[in-house]
Amino acid sequence: MTLGLAIITFIALFITSIYHLTYVMAFFQLEEYDNIRFLKWLFKKFGKVNRIAELVGVPFFLFAGYSGALLFFIIGVIFSIISFLIRFQKIRKDKTRLVKPLVYTSRAKRLLFTSSLLIVGLLLTTIFWSWSSQISLEQFATKVIFLLLLGQLTAFYIISANIILIPLEWSIQSYYLYSARKTIRLINPIVIGVTGSFGKTTTKEILFHILSKRFRVLKTPKSYNTLMGICKVIREELKPSHQYFIVEMGAYKPGEIEKICALVQPKYGILTAVGPQHLERFKTIENVAKAKNELMHAIPKDGIAIYNGDDPICNELSKATTGKNVLRYGVIPSSNLDISAENLVVDENGTRFDVCLRDGSKLYAQMALLGRHNVSNALAAILLSSQCGFSFSEAVNHLRTTEALEHRLKLSKAQGNIIYIDDSYNSNPLGAKIALEVLAGFKSGRKILVTPGFVELGTVEEIEHEKLGSQAGEICDYIFLIGDIIRTTQIDKGIKKSKMDSANVFFCNSLSEAVIQLRSILRSGDVVLLENDLPDLYLL
């Protein structure tokens, strides 16, 4: 066996390993670089991301080593090459289907570089350990088999690299935290914290829209709601001219919002809802409530804590909050609310309603945002704006110029007079219920639902899926269920309890397949609700 053949083997295995590495890294990133969560996902999806097919040549290499027959070694090489090409094609196809492909952040680049070094080291060690120019076919075949087995460990190279980089990542994050804390203390803007199981991003955007009419305001972009994401915004975007800083705060476990509050020190806080979102991580709804209420614990005595009075848990938390000003809002009229709404009308032109104030006065409001839950989000923004120098009438008037947010009940019309309602961002049971109510409000055209269901609802997931199916079955003419058979079967169980014809329920493996089937039935006037767009972790 020549040195040239060894080098060719190294190059081939290195290229396939690195290509597979970038593919798997995308899912590691979606799990937020958490080794334990990634391992759990890996075991669930092992059949989708493994490289076992590349071992097809191993029996031939074994026989070649045992018999010394070069022909079997060549056959093994041919089969291995074919399997590599097939795997290459599959990964390339899967990459084009990814909703969120790998983002080459600085951390991702460090992980890729370290993982690559581990791969190179193991490949070179395996090939050239005990190497000699007179190496036998048996010895070389054994090395190739061992190299193919090492190729199965792509995910574990990533995990190992993540562990190796812990000291460096800790140092980098500590520096970012120190720098962000120094910046925000120096500029000292008035900080408004917004959190909740759902509704926080829309509330943040409406509030930003209103406050920006008078003040210089910075908000955390998109869904930048983790400690490090907020540090990045402070370090790169917060300027001395900013008077207000609206911070969306997210959490996967108790203590995370507390750390964010220690950094930004909010004066005002809004808690939009406490629900089963991410219940799989929090384990209990009590833990969710505790985590979200960390924002209100951080509000100073001269600050204001604003709660959603419609949410039973938020309402109880508001009653237990002392030592600071507490305000409440809600769509359902109640004597304990500082602001509420009535006479809601939702159609393709937007949402119209009356804003009811505590003194009994009413203001007519309209906005492009659709749905009862967005009325609730708007009330929270109006109420807080009234504490920042805006009159209620000014704040309500500014609602008229708000724009629908991407993937949050955004309505659009396509060719052929087809109406699409895009509610594909991170759905939850209450949001889906309200989205279906919006769909039901359209008087003409067939009503079509496209959904993969929910994730991370823990023990209540099956119940919520059945509820979704039951409600959708009473409203929709067609339903397209996407992805995981367990989720879609749970939804279908609810559909079967409704009046809907089971022949109008379609099961699709992917969103692209659903789109093809959807196009085959669409006709003028149809209204299509796109409810939830699960991360690639769940649709793979």
Protein backbone atom coordinates (compact mmCIF):
# COMPACT_ATOMS: atom_id res chain seq x y z
CA MET A 1 0.00 0.00 0.00
CA THR A 2 1.51 3.33 -1.02
CA LEU A 3 1.64 6.63 0.82
CA GLY A 4 -0.34 8.20 -2.02
CA LEU A 5 -3.29 5.89 -1.38
CA ALA A 6 -3.19 6.79 2.32
CA ILE A 7 -3.29 10.50 1.51
CA ILE A 8 -6.21 10.02 -0.91
CA THR A 9 -8.06 8.09 1.81
CA PHE A 10 -7.41 10.87 4.33
CA ILE A 11 -8.64 13.59 1.95
CA ALA A 12 -11.81 11.69 1.03
CA LEU A 13 -12.73 10.96 4.63
CA PHE A 14 -11.86 14.50 5.75
CA ILE A 15 -14.10 16.11 3.10
CA THR A 16 -17.09 13.87 3.88
CA SER A 17 -16.63 14.39 7.63
CA ILE A 18 -16.44 18.18 7.37
CA TYR A 19 -19.47 18.32 5.08
CA HIS A 20 -21.46 16.22 7.53
CA LEU A 21 -20.10 18.32 10.40
CA THR A 22 -21.55 21.57 9.02
CA TYR A 23 -24.89 19.81 8.55
CA VAL A 24 -25.12 18.48 12.10
CA MET A 25 -23.77 21.75 13.55
CA ALA A 26 -26.93 23.53 12.36
CA PHE A 27 -29.00 21.40 14.74
CA PHE A 28 -26.51 21.86 17.57
CA GLN A 29 -26.93 25.61 17.10
CA LEU A 30 -30.72 25.28 17.20
CA GLU A 31 -30.34 23.53 20.56
CA GLU A 32 -28.39 26.63 21.67
CA TYR A 33 -25.10 24.75 22.04
CA ASP A 34 -26.55 22.67 24.88
CA ASN A 35 -24.84 19.26 24.96
CA ILE A 36 -27.58 17.46 26.91
CA ARG A 37 -30.46 18.73 24.79
CA PHE A 38 -28.51 17.99 21.62
CA LEU A 39 -27.85 14.42 22.75
CA LYS A 40 -31.54 13.89 23.50
CA TRP A 41 -32.42 15.21 20.05
CA LEU A 42 -29.70 13.07 18.47
CA PHE A 43 -31.04 9.86 19.97
CA LYS A 44 -34.55 10.72 18.72
CA LYS A 45 -33.34 11.56 15.22
CA PHE A 46 -30.42 9.14 14.92
CA GLY A 47 -31.96 7.41 11.94
CA LYS A 48 -32.00 10.73 10.07
CA VAL A 49 -28.49 12.04 10.75
CA ASN A 50 -26.32 8.91 11.12
CA ARG A 51 -23.73 7.80 8.55
CA ILE A 52 -24.27 4.06 8.89
CA ALA A 53 -24.89 3.69 5.15
CA GLU A 54 -21.23 4.62 4.64
CA LEU A 55 -20.24 1.32 6.31
CA VAL A 56 -21.55 -0.66 3.33
CA GLY A 57 -17.96 -1.41 2.23
CA VAL A 58 -16.85 -2.75 5.62
CA PRO A 59 -17.69 -6.45 4.91
CA PHE A 60 -15.56 -6.30 1.74
CA PHE A 61 -12.66 -4.68 3.62
CA LEU A 62 -12.93 -7.37 6.28
CA PHE A 63 -12.85 -10.15 3.71
CA ALA A 64 -10.00 -8.45 1.84
CA GLY A 65 -7.98 -8.27 5.04
CA TYR A 66 -8.74 -11.87 5.92
CA SER A 67 -8.10 -13.36 2.47
CA GLY A 68 -5.57 -10.89 1.08
CA ALA A 69 -7.71 -10.52 -2.07
CA LEU A 70 -7.22 -7.05 -3.56
CA LEU A 71 -10.42 -7.44 -5.61
CA PHE A 72 -12.58 -7.35 -2.47
CA PHE A 73 -10.72 -4.26 -1.26
CA ILE A 74 -11.45 -2.51 -4.59
CA ILE A 75 -15.13 -3.52 -4.40
CA GLY A 76 -15.25 -2.11 -0.85
CA VAL A 77 -13.78 1.17 -2.09
CA ILE A 78 -16.34 1.38 -4.91
CA PHE A 79 -19.27 0.74 -2.55
CA SER A 80 -17.88 3.30 -0.08
CA ILE A 81 -17.54 5.94 -2.78
CA ILE A 82 -21.11 5.30 -3.94
CA SER A 83 -22.40 5.56 -0.37
CA PHE A 84 -20.46 8.81 0.13
CA LEU A 85 -22.00 10.31 -3.00
CA ILE A 86 -25.51 9.24 -1.98
CA ARG A 87 -24.98 10.72 1.49
CA PHE A 88 -23.57 13.90 -0.07
CA GLN A 89 -26.69 14.27 -2.19
CA LYS A 90 -29.03 13.64 0.77
CA ILE A 91 -27.30 16.21 2.97
CA ARG A 92 -27.30 18.75 0.14
CA LYS A 93 -31.04 18.19 -0.32
CA ASP A 94 -31.71 18.41 3.44
CA LYS A 95 -29.71 21.64 3.68
CA THR A 96 -31.93 23.28 1.07
CA ARG A 97 -35.00 22.28 3.13
CA LEU A 98 -33.72 23.76 6.38
CA VAL A 99 -35.87 26.61 7.66
CA LYS A 100 -32.91 27.97 9.63
CA PRO A 101 -29.57 26.94 8.11
CA LEU A 102 -26.37 27.18 10.10
CA VAL A 103 -25.48 30.77 11.00
CA TYR A 104 -21.72 31.18 11.01
CA THR A 105 -21.45 33.15 14.24
CA SER A 106 -18.10 33.54 15.98
CA ARG A 107 -19.00 30.73 18.36
CA ALA A 108 -20.07 28.44 15.52
CA LYS A 109 -16.78 29.10 13.74
CA ARG A 110 -14.81 28.27 16.89
CA LEU A 111 -16.72 25.02 17.28
CA LEU A 112 -16.25 24.09 13.63
CA PHE A 113 -12.52 24.81 13.79
CA THR A 114 -12.01 22.82 17.00
CA SER A 115 -14.15 19.93 15.75
CA SER A 116 -12.17 19.90 12.50
CA LEU A 117 -8.91 19.70 14.42
CA LEU A 118 -10.23 16.70 16.34
CA ILE A 119 -11.23 15.01 13.09
CA VAL A 120 -7.87 15.71 11.44
CA GLY A 121 -6.00 14.48 14.49
CA LEU A 122 -7.90 11.19 14.67
CA LEU A 123 -7.70 10.58 10.92
CA LEU A 124 -3.96 11.22 10.74
CA THR A 125 -3.28 9.19 13.89
CA THR A 126 -5.27 6.24 12.59
CA ILE A 127 -3.71 6.28 9.12
CA PHE A 128 -0.09 6.86 10.04
CA TRP A 129 0.16 5.03 13.36
CA SER A 130 2.63 2.16 12.85
CA TRP A 131 2.91 3.15 9.20
CA SER A 132 5.54 1.64 6.98
CA SER A 133 6.08 1.47 3.26
CA GLN A 134 5.60 -2.29 3.50
CA ILE A 135 2.19 -2.14 5.18
CA SER A 136 0.09 -5.14 4.28
CA LEU A 137 -3.38 -5.17 2.71
CA GLU A 138 -4.74 -6.63 5.96
CA GLN A 139 -3.29 -3.76 8.02
CA PHE A 140 -4.48 -1.08 5.60
CA ALA A 141 -7.98 -2.58 5.36
CA THR A 142 -8.16 -2.56 9.17
CA LYS A 143 -7.22 1.13 9.21
CA VAL A 144 -9.89 1.97 6.62
CA ILE A 145 -12.54 0.12 8.66
CA PHE A 146 -11.50 2.01 11.79
CA LEU A 147 -11.61 5.32 9.88
CA LEU A 148 -15.14 4.59 8.63
CA LEU A 149 -16.20 3.85 12.21
CA LEU A 150 -14.67 7.13 13.37
CA GLY A 151 -16.77 8.86 10.72
CA GLN A 152 -19.88 7.87 12.66
CA LEU A 153 -18.86 10.14 15.55
CA THR A 154 -19.47 13.56 13.93
CA ALA A 155 -21.92 14.68 16.63
CA PHE A 156 -19.52 13.65 19.38
CA TYR A 157 -16.69 15.68 17.83
CA ILE A 158 -18.97 18.71 18.18
CA ILE A 159 -19.83 17.89 21.79
CA SER A 160 -16.15 17.27 22.62
CA ALA A 161 -15.17 20.58 21.02
CA ASN A 162 -17.90 22.34 23.00
CA ILE A 163 -16.50 20.90 26.23
CA ILE A 164 -12.93 21.82 25.30
CA LEU A 165 -14.01 25.39 24.58
CA ILE A 166 -15.88 25.89 27.89
CA PRO A 167 -13.08 27.98 29.52
CA LEU A 168 -12.73 30.15 26.41
CA GLU A 169 -16.49 30.63 26.00
CA TRP A 170 -16.85 31.51 29.68
CA SER A 171 -14.08 34.13 29.35
CA ILE A 172 -15.63 35.62 26.21
CA GLN A 173 -19.12 35.77 27.73
CA SER A 174 -17.75 37.31 30.94
CA TYR A 175 -16.05 40.02 28.92
CA TYR A 176 -19.20 40.70 26.87
CA LEU A 177 -21.26 40.91 30.07
CA TYR A 178 -18.76 43.30 31.68
CA SER A 179 -18.63 45.48 28.55
CA ALA A 180 -22.44 45.58 28.20
CA ARG A 181 -22.92 46.41 31.89
CA LYS A 182 -20.41 49.24 31.63
CA THR A 183 -22.12 50.64 28.50
CA ILE A 184 -25.68 50.57 29.83
CA ARG A 185 -24.65 52.12 33.17
CA LEU A 186 -22.89 54.94 31.32
CA ILE A 187 -25.82 55.71 28.96
CA ASN A 188 -28.49 54.96 31.59
CA PRO A 189 -31.63 54.76 29.41
CA ILE A 190 -35.05 54.06 30.89
CA VAL A 191 -35.42 50.30 30.48
CA ILE A 192 -38.71 48.56 29.79
CA GLY A 193 -38.75 44.78 30.18
CA VAL A 194 -41.28 42.65 28.32
CA THR A 195 -41.72 38.94 28.98
CA GLY A 196 -44.34 36.22 28.81
CA SER A 197 -44.94 32.76 27.38
CA PHE A 198 -46.31 34.43 24.25
CA GLY A 199 -47.16 37.92 23.00
CA LYS A 200 -43.94 39.55 24.17
CA THR A 201 -42.45 40.26 20.72
CA THR A 202 -45.64 41.83 19.35
CA THR A 203 -46.12 43.88 22.52
CA LYS A 204 -42.52 45.07 22.23
CA GLU A 205 -43.02 46.09 18.60
CA ILE A 206 -46.26 47.99 19.26
CA LEU A 207 -44.73 49.77 22.25
CA PHE A 208 -41.67 50.70 20.19
CA HIS A 209 -43.91 52.06 17.44
CA ILE A 210 -45.77 54.33 19.87
CA LEU A 211 -42.81 55.56 21.95
CA SER A 212 -40.74 56.27 18.82
CA LYS A 213 -43.20 59.00 17.86
CA ARG A 214 -41.72 61.15 20.60
CA PHE A 215 -38.51 59.58 21.94
CA ARG A 216 -35.28 57.98 20.72
CA VAL A 217 -35.94 54.33 21.45
CA LEU A 218 -33.88 51.16 21.04
CA LYS A 219 -35.47 47.72 21.12
CA THR A 220 -33.94 44.29 21.06
CA PRO A 221 -34.33 43.11 17.44
CA LYS A 222 -36.42 40.14 16.31
CA SER A 223 -36.36 37.65 19.17
CA TYR A 224 -33.04 38.59 20.74
CA ASN A 225 -34.14 37.74 24.26
CA THR A 226 -31.26 35.86 25.92
CA LEU A 227 -28.57 37.33 28.15
CA MET A 228 -25.83 37.11 25.51
CA GLY A 229 -28.14 38.34 22.74
CA ILE A 230 -29.05 41.40 24.82
CA CYS A 231 -25.37 42.00 25.62
CA LYS A 232 -24.68 42.07 21.88
CA VAL A 233 -27.44 44.65 21.30
CA ILE A 234 -26.16 46.89 24.14
CA ARG A 235 -22.54 46.73 22.99
CA GLU A 236 -23.27 47.30 19.30
CA GLU A 237 -26.45 49.40 19.11
CA LEU A 238 -27.11 51.33 22.33
CA LYS A 239 -26.14 54.99 21.83
CA PRO A 240 -26.02 57.98 24.22
CA SER A 241 -28.98 59.51 22.37
CA HIS A 242 -31.32 56.63 23.28
CA GLN A 243 -33.84 57.60 25.94
CA TYR A 244 -35.68 54.28 26.20
CA PHE A 245 -34.49 50.70 25.80
CA ILE A 246 -37.19 48.06 25.33
CA VAL A 247 -35.86 44.62 26.23
CA GLU A 248 -37.63 41.39 25.35
CA MET A 249 -36.74 38.76 27.95
CA GLY A 250 -36.94 35.02 27.30
CA ALA A 251 -36.10 32.04 29.47
CA TYR A 252 -35.85 28.25 29.38
CA LYS A 253 -35.34 27.88 33.13
CA PRO A 254 -35.71 29.87 36.36
CA GLY A 255 -32.94 32.40 36.94
CA GLU A 256 -32.33 33.47 33.35
CA ILE A 257 -34.61 36.54 33.42
CA GLU A 258 -33.18 37.46 36.82
CA LYS A 259 -29.71 37.64 35.22
CA ILE A 260 -31.01 39.80 32.37
CA CYS A 261 -32.65 42.16 34.88
CA ALA A 262 -29.41 42.40 36.87
CA LEU A 263 -27.78 43.64 33.66
CA VAL A 264 -30.39 46.08 32.32
CA GLN A 265 -32.17 47.11 35.58
CA PRO A 266 -35.69 47.70 34.18
CA LYS A 267 -37.91 50.46 35.55
CA TYR A 268 -41.07 49.18 33.85
CA GLY A 269 -42.18 45.63 33.20
CA ILE A 270 -44.92 43.90 31.19
CA LEU A 271 -45.92 40.27 31.74
CA THR A 272 -48.07 39.20 28.78
CA ALA A 273 -48.98 35.60 29.70
CA VAL A 274 -47.98 32.45 31.56
CA GLY A 275 -48.70 29.31 29.57
CA PRO A 276 -47.38 25.85 28.71
CA GLN A 277 -44.87 27.13 26.17
CA HIS A 278 -41.53 25.30 26.79
CA LEU A 279 -43.19 23.24 29.52
CA GLU A 280 -40.96 20.35 28.45
CA ARG A 281 -38.01 22.35 29.76
CA PHE A 282 -39.67 23.99 32.78
CA LYS A 283 -41.43 20.76 33.87
CA THR A 284 -44.26 22.59 35.71
CA ILE A 285 -46.41 25.65 35.04
CA GLU A 286 -45.36 26.93 38.48
CA ASN A 287 -41.76 27.05 37.28
CA VAL A 288 -42.86 28.99 34.20
CA ALA A 289 -44.70 31.53 36.38
CA LYS A 290 -41.75 31.86 38.73
CA ALA A 291 -39.33 32.44 35.85
CA LYS A 292 -41.49 35.05 34.11
CA ASN A 293 -42.24 36.92 37.34
CA GLU A 294 -38.53 37.46 37.95
CA LEU A 295 -38.96 40.58 35.81
CA MET A 296 -41.53 42.04 38.21
CA HIS A 297 -39.34 41.28 41.23
CA ALA A 298 -36.66 43.45 39.62
CA ILE A 299 -38.93 46.50 39.14
CA PRO A 300 -37.98 49.24 41.66
CA LYS A 301 -40.43 50.94 44.04
CA ASP A 302 -40.82 53.92 41.72
CA GLY A 303 -41.36 51.64 38.72
CA ILE A 304 -44.51 50.02 37.31
CA ALA A 305 -45.39 46.34 36.89
CA ILE A 306 -48.04 45.73 34.22
CA TYR A 307 -49.85 42.37 34.13
CA ASN A 308 -52.31 40.74 31.74
CA GLY A 309 -55.46 40.59 33.84
CA ASP A 310 -57.12 38.09 31.46
CA ASP A 311 -54.49 35.48 32.26
CA PRO A 312 -55.46 33.72 35.53
CA ILE A 313 -51.86 33.09 36.58
CA CYS A 314 -50.76 36.64 35.71
CA ASN A 315 -53.72 37.96 37.66
CA GLU A 316 -52.72 35.99 40.75
CA LEU A 317 -49.12 37.12 40.41
CA SER A 318 -50.26 40.73 40.19
CA LYS A 319 -52.22 40.40 43.44
CA ALA A 320 -49.15 39.02 45.18
CA THR A 321 -46.88 41.83 43.92
CA THR A 322 -46.27 44.50 46.56
CA GLY A 323 -43.98 47.47 47.10
CA LYS A 324 -44.47 48.93 43.61
CA ASN A 325 -47.18 50.25 41.31
CA VAL A 326 -49.20 47.48 39.66
CA LEU A 327 -51.44 48.00 36.62
CA ARG A 328 -53.56 45.47 34.74
CA TYR A 329 -54.98 45.23 31.23
CA GLY A 330 -57.31 42.79 29.51
CA VAL A 331 -59.74 42.15 26.71
CA ILE A 332 -62.36 40.76 29.08
CA PRO A 333 -63.98 43.69 30.98
CA SER A 334 -63.36 43.58 34.73
CA SER A 335 -63.39 46.04 37.60
CA ASN A 336 -59.75 45.34 38.44
CA LEU A 337 -58.48 46.39 35.00
CA ASP A 338 -56.95 49.76 34.27
CA ILE A 339 -57.64 49.38 30.56
CA SER A 340 -59.79 46.93 28.58
CA ALA A 341 -61.49 46.49 25.20
CA GLU A 342 -64.92 45.76 23.81
CA ASN A 343 -66.79 45.60 20.49
CA LEU A 344 -63.98 43.73 18.74
CA VAL A 345 -64.29 43.29 14.98
CA VAL A 346 -61.67 41.28 13.04
CA ASP A 347 -61.71 40.94 9.25
CA GLU A 348 -59.37 41.16 6.27
CA ASN A 349 -59.08 44.93 6.83
CA GLY A 350 -57.60 44.50 10.31
CA THR A 351 -58.96 44.82 13.84
CA ARG A 352 -61.29 47.47 15.26
CA PHE A 353 -62.32 47.87 18.90
CA ASP A 354 -63.16 50.31 21.68
CA VAL A 355 -60.54 51.01 24.33
CA CYS A 356 -62.22 51.28 27.75
CA LEU A 357 -60.46 53.28 30.45
CA ARG A 358 -60.91 53.05 34.20
CA ASP A 359 -62.71 56.41 34.34
CA GLY A 360 -65.43 55.02 32.05
CA SER A 361 -64.36 56.84 28.89
CA LYS A 362 -63.93 55.01 25.58
CA LEU A 363 -61.67 55.52 22.57
CA TYR A 364 -62.14 54.00 19.12
CA ALA A 365 -59.07 52.06 17.92
CA GLN A 366 -58.09 50.30 14.74
CA MET A 367 -54.93 48.55 13.59
CA ALA A 368 -53.57 46.25 10.89
CA LEU A 369 -52.79 43.51 13.42
CA LEU A 370 -55.32 40.69 13.47
CA GLY A 371 -56.84 38.87 16.44
CA ARG A 372 -58.06 39.21 19.99
CA HIS A 373 -54.62 38.43 21.41
CA ASN A 374 -53.13 41.35 19.48
CA VAL A 375 -55.76 43.62 21.01
CA SER A 376 -54.43 42.44 24.37
CA ASN A 377 -50.85 43.19 23.27
CA ALA A 378 -51.93 46.64 22.07
CA LEU A 379 -53.62 47.40 25.41
CA ALA A 380 -50.38 46.58 27.25
CA ALA A 381 -48.44 48.95 25.00
CA ILE A 382 -51.04 51.73 25.34
CA LEU A 383 -51.08 51.39 29.12
CA LEU A 384 -47.31 51.60 29.44
CA SER A 385 -47.11 54.48 26.94
CA SER A 386 -49.51 56.41 29.19
CA GLN A 387 -46.87 56.18 31.92
CA CYS A 388 -44.22 57.65 29.60
CA GLY A 389 -45.95 60.95 28.86
CA PHE A 390 -48.45 59.93 26.16
CA SER A 391 -52.14 60.61 26.57
CA PHE A 392 -54.37 57.59 25.98
CA SER A 393 -55.82 59.22 22.87
CA GLU A 394 -52.33 59.83 21.43
CA ALA A 395 -51.28 56.23 22.02
CA VAL A 396 -54.50 54.84 20.56
CA ASN A 397 -54.18 57.08 17.51
CA HIS A 398 -50.66 55.76 16.81
CA LEU A 399 -52.06 52.22 16.62
CA ARG A 400 -53.52 53.12 13.23
CA THR A 401 -50.05 53.14 11.67
CA THR A 402 -48.77 49.89 13.16
CA GLU A 403 -47.91 47.25 10.60
CA ALA A 404 -48.53 43.52 10.77
CA LEU A 405 -45.48 41.61 11.96
CA GLU A 406 -43.82 38.88 9.94
CA HIS A 407 -45.24 35.42 10.64
CA ARG A 408 -47.64 36.69 13.30
CA LEU A 409 -51.14 36.58 11.78
CA LYS A 410 -49.91 38.57 8.81
CA LEU A 411 -52.46 38.67 6.02
CA SER A 412 -51.50 38.70 2.35
CA LYS A 413 -53.24 38.13 -0.97
CA ALA A 414 -51.72 35.93 -3.64
CA GLN A 415 -52.41 35.44 -7.32
CA GLY A 416 -55.77 33.83 -7.95
CA ASN A 417 -57.47 35.77 -5.14
CA ILE A 418 -56.07 33.43 -2.47
CA ILE A 419 -55.79 34.90 1.05
CA TYR A 420 -52.96 33.68 3.28
CA ILE A 421 -52.82 34.26 7.03
CA ASP A 422 -49.22 33.68 8.12
CA ASP A 423 -49.11 32.77 11.80
CA SER A 424 -46.09 30.53 11.45
CA TYR A 425 -43.92 31.93 14.22
CA ASN A 426 -43.62 29.75 17.31
CA SER A 427 -47.28 28.87 17.85
CA ASN A 428 -48.86 28.07 21.20
CA PRO A 429 -52.30 26.66 22.11
CA LEU A 430 -53.93 30.01 22.91
CA GLY A 431 -52.42 31.69 19.85
CA ALA A 432 -53.62 28.86 17.61
CA LYS A 433 -57.11 29.08 19.09
CA ILE A 434 -57.27 32.80 18.36
CA ALA A 435 -55.81 32.31 14.87
CA LEU A 436 -58.58 29.83 14.11
CA GLU A 437 -61.11 32.37 15.38
CA VAL A 438 -59.67 34.87 12.91
CA LEU A 439 -59.96 32.27 10.14
CA ALA A 440 -63.57 31.59 11.12
CA GLY A 441 -64.31 35.32 10.82
CA PHE A 442 -63.84 35.24 7.05
CA LYS A 443 -67.33 34.88 5.63
CA SER A 444 -66.49 33.75 2.11
CA GLY A 445 -64.16 31.15 0.63
CA ARG A 446 -63.06 27.74 1.86
CA LYS A 447 -61.02 27.70 5.06
CA ILE A 448 -57.76 25.72 5.03
CA LEU A 449 -55.34 25.02 7.88
CA VAL A 450 -51.69 24.02 7.42
CA THR A 451 -49.93 23.06 10.68
CA PRO A 452 -47.32 20.72 12.20
CA GLY A 453 -48.78 21.17 15.70
CA PHE A 454 -46.94 22.25 18.84
CA VAL A 455 -43.70 21.25 20.58
CA GLU A 456 -42.23 21.49 24.08
CA LEU A 457 -45.62 21.34 25.83
CA GLY A 458 -44.54 18.42 27.99
CA THR A 459 -47.34 16.36 29.52
CA VAL A 460 -50.13 18.53 28.08
CA GLU A 461 -48.99 18.21 24.47
CA GLU A 462 -51.39 15.39 23.54
CA ILE A 463 -54.37 17.16 25.12
CA GLU A 464 -53.58 20.45 23.38
CA HIS A 465 -53.17 18.72 20.03
CA GLU A 466 -56.59 17.10 20.38
CA LYS A 467 -58.11 20.48 21.26
CA LEU A 468 -56.45 22.00 18.19
CA GLY A 469 -57.83 19.25 15.96
CA SER A 470 -61.32 19.47 17.43
CA GLN A 471 -61.52 23.26 16.99
CA ALA A 472 -59.99 23.18 13.52
CA GLY A 473 -62.39 20.45 12.44
CA GLU A 474 -65.36 22.66 13.28
CA ILE A 475 -64.00 25.59 11.28
CA CYS A 476 -61.94 24.28 8.37
CA ASP A 477 -62.83 22.70 5.03
CA TYR A 478 -59.34 21.21 4.58
CA ILE A 479 -56.49 20.50 7.00
CA PHE A 480 -52.88 19.70 6.12
CA LEU A 481 -50.88 18.07 8.95
CA ILE A 482 -47.09 18.14 8.61
CA GLY A 483 -44.29 16.02 10.03
CA ASP A 484 -44.07 13.82 13.11
CA ILE A 485 -46.64 11.01 13.09
CA ILE A 486 -47.21 11.25 16.86
CA ARG A 487 -48.16 14.94 16.72
CA THR A 488 -50.27 14.64 13.60
CA THR A 489 -52.10 11.57 14.92
CA GLN A 490 -52.96 13.45 18.12
CA ILE A 491 -54.38 16.35 16.09
CA ASP A 492 -56.28 13.94 13.84
CA LYS A 493 -57.83 12.33 16.91
CA GLY A 494 -59.39 15.70 17.73
CA ILE A 495 -60.46 16.26 14.12
CA LYS A 496 -62.36 12.95 14.16
CA LYS A 497 -64.47 14.28 17.05
CA SER A 498 -65.63 17.18 14.85
CA LYS A 499 -67.98 17.40 11.90
CA MET A 500 -65.12 17.43 9.37
CA ASP A 501 -64.87 14.83 6.60
CA SER A 502 -61.70 12.78 7.21
CA ALA A 503 -61.13 12.67 3.44
CA ASN A 504 -60.22 16.36 3.64
CA VAL A 505 -57.35 15.76 6.07
CA PHE A 506 -53.94 15.39 4.42
CA PHE A 507 -50.79 14.01 6.10
CA CYS A 508 -47.52 15.39 4.71
CA ASN A 509 -43.91 14.57 5.56
CA SER A 510 -42.65 18.09 4.95
CA LEU A 511 -43.78 21.65 4.32
CA SER A 512 -42.71 21.40 0.68
CA GLU A 513 -44.92 18.32 0.21
CA ALA A 514 -47.82 20.15 1.87
CA VAL A 515 -47.38 23.11 -0.48
CA ILE A 516 -47.56 20.83 -3.54
CA GLN A 517 -50.75 19.15 -2.31
CA LEU A 518 -52.23 22.49 -1.24
CA ARG A 519 -51.74 24.00 -4.69
CA SER A 520 -53.59 21.08 -6.24
CA ILE A 521 -56.83 21.96 -4.42
CA LEU A 522 -56.71 25.77 -4.19
CA ARG A 523 -59.30 27.89 -5.90
CA SER A 524 -60.25 31.55 -5.98
CA GLY A 525 -61.42 32.97 -2.64
CA ASP A 526 -59.79 30.33 -0.42
CA VAL A 527 -58.36 31.46 2.93
CA VAL A 528 -55.26 29.57 4.12
CA LEU A 529 -53.98 29.73 7.71
CA LEU A 530 -50.32 28.77 8.15
CA GLU A 531 -50.18 27.91 11.85
CA ASN A 532 -46.71 27.35 13.29
CA ASP A 533 -43.48 26.62 11.45
CA LEU A 534 -41.52 24.23 13.64
CA PRO A 535 -37.73 24.45 13.81
CA ASP A 536 -35.79 21.98 11.68
CA LEU A 537 -35.15 20.01 14.89
CA TYR A 538 -38.75 18.83 14.80
CA LEU A 539 -39.47 18.70 11.06
CA LEU A 540 -36.41 16.64 10.07
